[in-house]
C-alpha atoms as a PDB file:
ATOM      1  CA  UNK A   1     -19.155   5.009   5.100  1.00  0.00           C
ATOM      2  CA  UNK A   2     -15.472   4.279   5.392  1.00  0.00           C
ATOM      3  CA  UNK A   3     -14.312   1.412   3.150  1.00  0.00           C
ATOM      4  CA  UNK A   4     -12.590  -1.514   4.843  1.00  0.00           C
ATOM      5  CA  UNK A   5     -10.082  -3.926   3.435  1.00  0.00           C
ATOM      6  CA  UNK A   6     -10.469  -7.657   4.002  1.00  0.00           C
ATOM      7  CA  UNK A   7      -7.025  -9.228   3.906  1.00  0.00           C
ATOM      8  CA  UNK A   8      -8.540 -12.730   3.963  1.00  0.00           C
ATOM      9  CA  UNK A   9     -10.618 -12.247   0.795  1.00  0.00           C
ATOM     10  CA  UNK A  10      -9.661 -14.276  -2.262  1.00  0.00           C
ATOM     11  CA  UNK A  11      -7.639 -16.804  -0.306  1.00  0.00           C
ATOM     12  CA  UNK A  12      -5.550 -14.158   1.433  1.00  0.00           C
ATOM     13  CA  UNK A  13      -4.880 -11.975  -1.602  1.00  0.00           C
ATOM     14  CA  UNK A  14      -7.325  -9.435  -0.187  1.00  0.00           C
ATOM     15  CA  UNK A  15      -9.941  -7.074  -1.532  1.00  0.00           C
ATOM     16  CA  UNK A  16     -12.300  -4.358  -0.402  1.00  0.00           C
ATOM     17  CA  UNK A  17     -14.794  -5.707   2.153  1.00  0.00           C
ATOM     18  CA  UNK A  18     -18.495  -5.653   1.247  1.00  0.00           C
ATOM     19  CA  UNK A  19     -20.168  -2.278   1.887  1.00  0.00           C
ATOM     20  CA  UNK A  20     -22.215  -3.683   4.763  1.00  0.00           C
ATOM     21  CA  UNK A  21     -18.918  -4.228   6.634  1.00  0.00           C
ATOM     22  CA  UNK A  22     -17.836  -0.607   6.230  1.00  0.00           C
ATOM     23  CA  UNK A  23     -17.850   1.691   9.244  1.00  0.00           C
ATOM     24  CA  UNK A  24     -20.337   4.536   9.288  1.00  0.00           C
ATOM     25  CA  UNK A  25     -19.004   7.531  11.228  1.00  0.00           C
ATOM     26  CA  UNK A  26     -21.864   9.704  12.420  1.00  0.00           C
ATOM     27  CA  UNK A  27     -19.986  12.167  14.631  1.00  0.00           C
ATOM     28  CA  UNK A  28     -17.330  14.638  13.503  1.00  0.00           C
ATOM     29  CA  UNK A  29     -13.720  13.524  13.874  1.00  0.00           C
ATOM     30  CA  UNK A  30     -10.619  15.535  14.695  1.00  0.00           C
ATOM     31  CA  UNK A  31      -8.180  13.149  13.033  1.00  0.00           C
ATOM     32  CA  UNK A  32      -8.656  10.635  10.260  1.00  0.00           C
ATOM     33  CA  UNK A  33      -5.843   8.208   9.524  1.00  0.00           C
ATOM     34  CA  UNK A  34      -5.752   7.130   5.897  1.00  0.00           C
ATOM     35  CA  UNK A  35      -3.559   4.118   5.213  1.00  0.00           C
ATOM     36  CA  UNK A  36      -3.221   2.451   1.897  1.00  0.00           C
ATOM     37  CA  UNK A  37      -0.912   0.729  -0.491  1.00  0.00           C
ATOM     38  CA  UNK A  38       1.107   3.331  -2.367  1.00  0.00           C
ATOM     39  CA  UNK A  39      -0.382   6.259  -0.404  1.00  0.00           C
ATOM     40  CA  UNK A  40       2.117   9.078  -0.744  1.00  0.00           C
ATOM     41  CA  UNK A  41       3.743   7.645  -3.858  1.00  0.00           C
ATOM     42  CA  UNK A  42       4.092  10.134  -6.700  1.00  0.00           C
ATOM     43  CA  UNK A  43       4.455   9.324 -10.396  1.00  0.00           C
ATOM     44  CA  UNK A  44       8.098   8.933 -11.329  1.00  0.00           C
ATOM     45  CA  UNK A  45       7.629   9.879 -14.969  1.00  0.00           C
ATOM     46  CA  UNK A  46      10.855   8.070 -15.859  1.00  0.00           C
ATOM     47  CA  UNK A  47       9.655   5.307 -18.183  1.00  0.00           C
ATOM     48  CA  UNK A  48      13.125   3.930 -18.921  1.00  0.00           C
ATOM     49  CA  UNK A  49      14.065   3.558 -15.247  1.00  0.00           C
ATOM     50  CA  UNK A  50      10.687   2.021 -14.417  1.00  0.00           C
ATOM     51  CA  UNK A  51      10.915  -0.449 -17.314  1.00  0.00           C
ATOM     52  CA  UNK A  52      14.302  -1.525 -15.985  1.00  0.00           C
ATOM     53  CA  UNK A  53      12.704  -2.417 -12.666  1.00  0.00           C
ATOM     54  CA  UNK A  54       9.545  -4.022 -14.030  1.00  0.00           C
ATOM     55  CA  UNK A  55       7.729  -3.643 -17.372  1.00  0.00           C
ATOM     56  CA  UNK A  56       4.357  -3.229 -15.603  1.00  0.00           C
ATOM     57  CA  UNK A  57       5.453  -0.130 -13.682  1.00  0.00           C
ATOM     58  CA  UNK A  58       4.621   2.211 -16.569  1.00  0.00           C
ATOM     59  CA  UNK A  59       0.949   1.350 -16.045  1.00  0.00           C
ATOM     60  CA  UNK A  60       1.300   1.780 -12.273  1.00  0.00           C
ATOM     61  CA  UNK A  61       2.949   5.156 -12.851  1.00  0.00           C
ATOM     62  CA  UNK A  62       0.001   6.300 -14.978  1.00  0.00           C
ATOM     63  CA  UNK A  63      -2.466   5.333 -12.217  1.00  0.00           C
ATOM     64  CA  UNK A  64      -0.479   7.270  -9.617  1.00  0.00           C
ATOM     65  CA  UNK A  65      -1.522  10.507 -11.301  1.00  0.00           C
ATOM     66  CA  UNK A  66      -4.991   9.847  -9.896  1.00  0.00           C
ATOM     67  CA  UNK A  67      -3.598   9.686  -6.357  1.00  0.00           C
ATOM     68  CA  UNK A  68      -2.857  13.424  -6.484  1.00  0.00           C
ATOM     69  CA  UNK A  69      -6.504  14.163  -5.710  1.00  0.00           C
ATOM     70  CA  UNK A  70      -6.239  12.173  -2.467  1.00  0.00           C
ATOM     71  CA  UNK A  71      -2.856  13.623  -1.629  1.00  0.00           C
ATOM     72  CA  UNK A  72      -4.178  17.174  -2.002  1.00  0.00           C
ATOM     73  CA  UNK A  73      -6.732  16.450   0.729  1.00  0.00           C
ATOM     74  CA  UNK A  74      -4.078  15.489   3.296  1.00  0.00           C
ATOM     75  CA  UNK A  75      -3.068  17.966   5.979  1.00  0.00           C
ATOM     76  CA  UNK A  76      -0.085  15.928   7.162  1.00  0.00           C
ATOM     77  CA  UNK A  77       1.755  12.692   6.484  1.00  0.00           C
ATOM     78  CA  UNK A  78       3.397  10.151   8.762  1.00  0.00           C
ATOM     79  CA  UNK A  79       5.878   8.095   6.777  1.00  0.00           C
ATOM     80  CA  UNK A  80       7.233   4.991   8.479  1.00  0.00           C
ATOM     81  CA  UNK A  81      10.261   3.755   6.596  1.00  0.00           C
ATOM     82  CA  UNK A  82      11.842   0.337   6.584  1.00  0.00           C
ATOM     83  CA  UNK A  83      15.513  -0.357   6.100  1.00  0.00           C
ATOM     84  CA  UNK A  84      15.137  -3.703   4.322  1.00  0.00           C
ATOM     85  CA  UNK A  85      12.335  -4.660   1.934  1.00  0.00           C
ATOM     86  CA  UNK A  86      12.682  -8.326   2.916  1.00  0.00           C
ATOM     87  CA  UNK A  87      10.722  -7.369   6.045  1.00  0.00           C
ATOM     88  CA  UNK A  88       7.634  -6.919   3.845  1.00  0.00           C
ATOM     89  CA  UNK A  89       7.469 -10.625   3.037  1.00  0.00           C
ATOM     90  CA  UNK A  90       8.181 -11.634   6.628  1.00  0.00           C
ATOM     91  CA  UNK A  91       5.467  -9.334   7.986  1.00  0.00           C
ATOM     92  CA  UNK A  92       2.908 -10.530   5.448  1.00  0.00           C
ATOM     93  CA  UNK A  93       3.779 -14.137   6.304  1.00  0.00           C
ATOM     94  CA  UNK A  94       3.171 -13.363   9.990  1.00  0.00           C
ATOM     95  CA  UNK A  95      -0.200 -11.802   9.155  1.00  0.00           C
ATOM     96  CA  UNK A  96      -1.229 -14.802   7.074  1.00  0.00           C
ATOM     97  CA  UNK A  97      -0.209 -17.233   9.826  1.00  0.00           C
ATOM     98  CA  UNK A  98      -2.221 -15.205  12.360  1.00  0.00           C
ATOM     99  CA  UNK A  99      -5.273 -15.273  10.067  1.00  0.00           C
ATOM    100  CA  UNK A 100      -4.929 -19.040   9.646  1.00  0.00           C
ATOM    101  CA  UNK A 101      -4.648 -19.488  13.432  1.00  0.00           C
ATOM    102  CA  UNK A 102      -7.889 -17.498  13.778  1.00  0.00           C
ATOM    103  CA  UNK A 103      -9.613 -19.808  11.281  1.00  0.00           C
ATOM    104  CA  UNK A 104      -9.663 -17.322   8.400  1.00  0.00           C
ATOM    105  CA  UNK A 105      -8.499 -18.206   4.874  1.00  0.00           C
ATOM    106  CA  UNK A 106      -5.057 -17.108   3.855  1.00  0.00           C
ATOM    107  CA  UNK A 107      -1.970 -17.859   1.826  1.00  0.00           C
ATOM    108  CA  UNK A 108       0.764 -20.340   2.589  1.00  0.00           C
ATOM    109  CA  UNK A 109       4.384 -19.148   2.707  1.00  0.00           C
ATOM    110  CA  UNK A 110       5.023 -19.824  -1.006  1.00  0.00           C
ATOM    111  CA  UNK A 111       1.881 -17.944  -2.028  1.00  0.00           C
ATOM    112  CA  UNK A 112       2.909 -15.002   0.194  1.00  0.00           C
ATOM    113  CA  UNK A 113       6.345 -14.882  -1.435  1.00  0.00           C
ATOM    114  CA  UNK A 114       4.737 -14.891  -4.902  1.00  0.00           C
ATOM    115  CA  UNK A 115       2.158 -12.248  -3.944  1.00  0.00           C
ATOM    116  CA  UNK A 116       4.689  -9.893  -2.350  1.00  0.00           C
ATOM    117  CA  UNK A 117       7.107 -10.284  -5.255  1.00  0.00           C
ATOM    118  CA  UNK A 118       4.470  -8.713  -7.512  1.00  0.00           C
ATOM    119  CA  UNK A 119       4.415  -5.368  -5.685  1.00  0.00           C
ATOM    120  CA  UNK A 120       8.009  -5.114  -4.448  1.00  0.00           C
ATOM    121  CA  UNK A 121       9.108  -3.551  -7.766  1.00  0.00           C
ATOM    122  CA  UNK A 122       6.766  -0.638  -7.024  1.00  0.00           C
ATOM    123  CA  UNK A 123       8.272  -0.271  -3.561  1.00  0.00           C
ATOM    124  CA  UNK A 124      11.747  -0.201  -5.108  1.00  0.00           C
ATOM    125  CA  UNK A 125      10.607   2.381  -7.649  1.00  0.00           C
ATOM    126  CA  UNK A 126       8.681   4.772  -5.385  1.00  0.00           C
ATOM    127  CA  UNK A 127       9.877   4.429  -1.783  1.00  0.00           C
ATOM    128  CA  UNK A 128      13.167   6.330  -2.280  1.00  0.00           C
ATOM    129  CA  UNK A 129      11.321   9.457  -3.471  1.00  0.00           C
ATOM    130  CA  UNK A 130       8.760   9.124  -0.678  1.00  0.00           C
ATOM    131  CA  UNK A 131      11.505   8.867   1.961  1.00  0.00           C
ATOM    132  CA  UNK A 132      13.375  11.826   0.440  1.00  0.00           C
ATOM    133  CA  UNK A 133      10.209  13.940   0.453  1.00  0.00           C
ATOM    134  CA  UNK A 134       9.419  12.990   4.034  1.00  0.00           C
ATOM    135  CA  UNK A 135      12.887  14.072   5.188  1.00  0.00           C
ATOM    136  CA  UNK A 136      12.839  17.301   3.195  1.00  0.00           C
ATOM    137  CA  UNK A 137       9.880  19.627   2.740  1.00  0.00           C
ATOM    138  CA  UNK A 138       7.283  16.937   3.291  1.00  0.00           C
ATOM    139  CA  UNK A 139       5.221  14.621   1.147  1.00  0.00           C
ATOM    140  CA  UNK A 140       3.397  16.628  -1.486  1.00  0.00           C
ATOM    141  CA  UNK A 141       5.228  19.805  -0.572  1.00  0.00           C
END
């Protein structure tokens, strides 16, 4: 089964959907797209720089070591960069408004701003290296 993410869970903060909502793929596939928060991010290993961005990033950096196992399974990466991180909040606000219009629970604009502000430090810490890798020899080599 392929796990699914439910963006409306926990009042719009999101979580993994229950297993019964996961897709079961019975036939072989030629291409599998794997999308996820921090996919492609590599540990920075620079505790002082990370602490200057956010004191919690040292813990995030330690967890990124576990992503290497996933990254090693990838044949190719498609990295879509953004030129301004303020788009992240605007896009999440749009998604929340669309969920609300569809009758699903979600966050109001203030809650979105608070939620996004919690992971933007990681974007600031790890996106530059991801973009550099994508333009050079590729993510993960």
